[in-house]
Amino acid sequence: MTVKIRLIPEQDRKHENMLATASITLKEEVGGYFTISGFTVWKSKDYKGMNITEPQKPGFKYVLFESNLGRMIKAEIVKCYEKEMIPVIE
């Protein structure tokens, strides 16, 4: 699984706690792949952490995951987001 994170600059955020968007690419053993885009990384209002929302419109989810796979994908997105936030020192 490959995760791509796009950080959202503060001035471009639709909501103050919206931090980034993410997409995942899953590859098959035979070389094919598919990408799911539209995940959103949010700063939690309730606790010191982050929430990840799946691609959706009000009242309609685009993708449904088996619960363990959903948790694994969200954990990978958080890990990649945290890596993206580490400053590069040259």
C-alpha atoms as a PDB file:
ATOM      1  CA  MET A   1       0.000   0.000   0.000  1.00  0.00           C
ATOM      2  CA  THR A   2       1.258   3.446  -0.919  1.00  0.00           C
ATOM      3  CA  VAL A   3      -0.076   6.542   0.842  1.00  0.00           C
ATOM      4  CA  LYS A   4       0.203  10.073  -0.539  1.00  0.00           C
ATOM      5  CA  ILE A   5      -0.397  12.999   1.802  1.00  0.00           C
ATOM      6  CA  ARG A   6      -1.211  16.539   0.691  1.00  0.00           C
ATOM      7  CA  LEU A   7      -0.840  19.024   3.522  1.00  0.00           C
ATOM      8  CA  ILE A   8      -3.366  21.855   3.455  1.00  0.00           C
ATOM      9  CA  PRO A   9      -1.891  25.307   4.224  1.00  0.00           C
ATOM     10  CA  GLU A  10      -3.751  27.105   7.030  1.00  0.00           C
ATOM     11  CA  GLN A  11      -5.058  29.840   4.727  1.00  0.00           C
ATOM     12  CA  ASP A  12      -6.583  27.213   2.354  1.00  0.00           C
ATOM     13  CA  ARG A  13      -8.412  25.130   4.973  1.00  0.00           C
ATOM     14  CA  LYS A  14     -12.198  24.951   4.732  1.00  0.00           C
ATOM     15  CA  HIS A  15     -12.258  24.080   8.453  1.00  0.00           C
ATOM     16  CA  GLU A  16      -9.674  25.103  11.035  1.00  0.00           C
ATOM     17  CA  ASN A  17      -9.019  21.510  12.160  1.00  0.00           C
ATOM     18  CA  MET A  18      -8.643  20.100   8.616  1.00  0.00           C
ATOM     19  CA  LEU A  19      -4.957  19.224   8.225  1.00  0.00           C
ATOM     20  CA  ALA A  20      -4.452  17.198   5.038  1.00  0.00           C
ATOM     21  CA  THR A  21      -5.952  14.993   2.379  1.00  0.00           C
ATOM     22  CA  ALA A  22      -4.700  11.532   1.521  1.00  0.00           C
ATOM     23  CA  SER A  23      -4.977   8.897  -1.170  1.00  0.00           C
ATOM     24  CA  ILE A  24      -4.001   5.244  -1.027  1.00  0.00           C
ATOM     25  CA  THR A  25      -2.874   2.971  -3.833  1.00  0.00           C
ATOM     26  CA  LEU A  26      -3.200  -0.782  -3.485  1.00  0.00           C
ATOM     27  CA  LYS A  27      -1.211  -2.971  -5.874  1.00  0.00           C
ATOM     28  CA  GLU A  28      -2.073  -6.488  -7.012  1.00  0.00           C
ATOM     29  CA  GLU A  29       0.500  -9.254  -7.222  1.00  0.00           C
ATOM     30  CA  VAL A  30       0.194  -9.319 -11.023  1.00  0.00           C
ATOM     31  CA  GLY A  31       0.990  -5.608 -11.380  1.00  0.00           C
ATOM     32  CA  GLY A  32      -2.426  -3.982 -11.478  1.00  0.00           C
ATOM     33  CA  TYR A  33      -3.398  -1.328  -8.964  1.00  0.00           C
ATOM     34  CA  PHE A  34      -6.234   0.891  -7.835  1.00  0.00           C
ATOM     35  CA  THR A  35      -6.250   4.211  -6.020  1.00  0.00           C
ATOM     36  CA  ILE A  36      -8.764   5.570  -3.529  1.00  0.00           C
ATOM     37  CA  SER A  37      -8.540   9.319  -2.997  1.00  0.00           C
ATOM     38  CA  GLY A  38     -10.496  11.656  -0.759  1.00  0.00           C
ATOM     39  CA  PHE A  39      -9.416  10.647   2.748  1.00  0.00           C
ATOM     40  CA  THR A  40      -9.226  13.630   5.114  1.00  0.00           C
ATOM     41  CA  VAL A  41      -6.937  14.071   8.137  1.00  0.00           C
ATOM     42  CA  TRP A  42      -8.519  16.128  10.942  1.00  0.00           C
ATOM     43  CA  LYS A  43      -7.203  17.386  14.253  1.00  0.00           C
ATOM     44  CA  SER A  44      -9.535  15.954  16.880  1.00  0.00           C
ATOM     45  CA  LYS A  45     -11.596  18.391  18.914  1.00  0.00           C
ATOM     46  CA  ASP A  46     -12.219  15.829  21.669  1.00  0.00           C
ATOM     47  CA  TYR A  47      -8.745  14.471  22.398  1.00  0.00           C
ATOM     48  CA  LYS A  48      -5.093  14.940  21.466  1.00  0.00           C
ATOM     49  CA  GLY A  49      -5.052  12.994  18.255  1.00  0.00           C
ATOM     50  CA  MET A  50      -6.248  12.823  14.700  1.00  0.00           C
ATOM     51  CA  ASN A  51      -9.323  11.535  12.947  1.00  0.00           C
ATOM     52  CA  ILE A  52      -9.320  10.108   9.439  1.00  0.00           C
ATOM     53  CA  THR A  53     -12.518  10.225   7.396  1.00  0.00           C
ATOM     54  CA  GLU A  54     -13.153   8.062   4.356  1.00  0.00           C
ATOM     55  CA  PRO A  55     -14.151   9.553   0.996  1.00  0.00           C
ATOM     56  CA  GLN A  56     -17.814  10.520   1.267  1.00  0.00           C
ATOM     57  CA  LYS A  57     -20.554  13.015   0.506  1.00  0.00           C
ATOM     58  CA  PRO A  58     -23.275  13.803   3.034  1.00  0.00           C
ATOM     59  CA  GLY A  59     -25.391  10.673   3.339  1.00  0.00           C
ATOM     60  CA  PHE A  60     -23.242   8.564   0.997  1.00  0.00           C
ATOM     61  CA  LYS A  61     -19.936   6.730   1.539  1.00  0.00           C
ATOM     62  CA  TYR A  62     -17.910   5.953  -1.577  1.00  0.00           C
ATOM     63  CA  VAL A  63     -16.016   3.021  -0.059  1.00  0.00           C
ATOM     64  CA  LEU A  64     -16.738   0.504   2.665  1.00  0.00           C
ATOM     65  CA  PHE A  65     -13.924  -1.427   4.333  1.00  0.00           C
ATOM     66  CA  GLU A  66     -13.897  -4.498   6.529  1.00  0.00           C
ATOM     67  CA  SER A  67     -13.219  -3.032   9.998  1.00  0.00           C
ATOM     68  CA  ASN A  68      -9.667  -4.421  10.403  1.00  0.00           C
ATOM     69  CA  LEU A  69      -8.660  -3.201   6.947  1.00  0.00           C
ATOM     70  CA  GLY A  70     -10.197   0.204   7.687  1.00  0.00           C
ATOM     71  CA  ARG A  71      -8.179   0.512  10.912  1.00  0.00           C
ATOM     72  CA  MET A  72      -4.988  -0.560   9.118  1.00  0.00           C
ATOM     73  CA  ILE A  73      -5.518   2.025   6.357  1.00  0.00           C
ATOM     74  CA  LYS A  74      -6.240   4.809   8.870  1.00  0.00           C
ATOM     75  CA  ALA A  75      -3.163   3.889  10.941  1.00  0.00           C
ATOM     76  CA  GLU A  76      -0.984   3.977   7.806  1.00  0.00           C
ATOM     77  CA  ILE A  77      -2.386   7.396   6.826  1.00  0.00           C
ATOM     78  CA  VAL A  78      -1.636   8.763  10.324  1.00  0.00           C
ATOM     79  CA  LYS A  79       1.908   7.345  10.176  1.00  0.00           C
ATOM     80  CA  CYS A  80       2.544   8.932   6.774  1.00  0.00           C
ATOM     81  CA  TYR A  81       1.022  12.245   7.904  1.00  0.00           C
ATOM     82  CA  GLU A  82       3.307  12.318  10.958  1.00  0.00           C
ATOM     83  CA  LYS A  83       6.331  11.614   8.718  1.00  0.00           C
ATOM     84  CA  GLU A  84       5.271  14.440   6.404  1.00  0.00           C
ATOM     85  CA  MET A  85       5.171  16.838   9.379  1.00  0.00           C
ATOM     86  CA  ILE A  86       8.810  16.134  10.351  1.00  0.00           C
ATOM     87  CA  PRO A  87      10.888  19.089   9.111  1.00  0.00           C
ATOM     88  CA  VAL A  88      13.685  18.391   6.643  1.00  0.00           C
ATOM     89  CA  ILE A  89      17.050  19.660   7.905  1.00  0.00           C
ATOM     90  CA  GLU A  90      19.757  20.061   5.305  1.00  0.00           C
END
